[in-house]
Amino acid sequence: MAASTTGPEPHRRRPRRWRDTIARRAGRFLGVQDLFAAVETMDEHVRRLSDRLVAQEARFEAQAAVWLTMHEFQLDRPTAGPCVSVVVPTRNRAALLPRAVASVAAQTYRCWQLVIVDDASDDDTPTYLAGLDDPRIVVVPGKGQGVGAARNRGLEAATGVYVAYLDDDNVMHPDWLGSVAWAFGRHPDVRVVLGCRIIDDRGRVTGVEPDGVPSLDLPTFDRDGLRRANVGDIGVIAHWRDLPSAHFDERLDAAEDWDLLVRITADRPPLILPAIACLYTTTAPDRLSASDLLLTSAEKVRRKHGAGEP
């Protein structure tokens, strides 16, 4: 009698039952319903771990580069050379400004000029500034027109070959100005230098819970990327004073340092210098970087330079 050709064949169903059994067992073991979902979940964990390892490797490489550069500088540290002007705008920060000024006065490189622009303070700032007696410190009155206008007043009074910047709530590393002069001297074709900064609280600056953990921020440079998002901070920028594009857009309420960096690097890229420029603090009151003005100003910078969304 011929075998029936109707109905499912047991030997063809067996592999599927075996696969389903394995999938259920693997799923129970891994806490998921299906083996394929388990594989996808595992792949996602591997991708996340890989991303963390890559980021950690980049941090280690940046830290090693900074360590090596700063130790090389210390072995070949100049104490004299071209003057570096430091522009510091301030307004009603009498409690913070002395720390910033002291960090400039403590520079191992002695050929500096400090230009402090008092942008119409009505606290004890004028009294403090009147007591400064170092001939290298110049105090310039501002008109309360904002940080961009104040920095432009500072640039007008600067006499150094190079210009660096410091915010009144931050602290300059004692070797920063020497590193700037050293780098420009070694690279005569360079017009802009970008250093790195130590951020006092990694959590606070990224918008999550403050964790008290400092982080090292060494910028990278990509021309198209810079038009979409800032890569640094005014405290890590140094440039030749006589650059025609070295001025601030006074129409911007914030992000004026980003706009400056886009313009002064239009013709040639900056030198990324793995040296610490400053300690960037996140606890001062009335910080522009923590205000809504930064968001609106950032959008103005992107439109100004023809960039889309970050």
Foldseek 3Di string as FASTA:
>chain_A
DDDDPDDDDVVVCVVVVVQCVVQCVVCVVQVHRGNVVSVVVVVVVVVVVVVVVVVVVVQVVLVVQQVVQVVVCVVVFDQEDFEEEEEEEDAQPVVQQVQAVVLAVLASRDRYAYEYEYAPHPDCVVVVVVPDDDPSYHYHYHPNLADQRSVQSSLVPDDTQKYAYDYSNWHWHNHQVRLVVVVCVVPVVAFKEFEKAKEQFPQVLVPHDTDRDIGIQFFDDDLQVLLADPGHDRQRMMGGSPDPLQGFDSVQNDPRSSLSQNVSPVVHHHHRRHHYTIYHYDPDPPDPSPDPSVVVRSVVSNVVVVHDHD
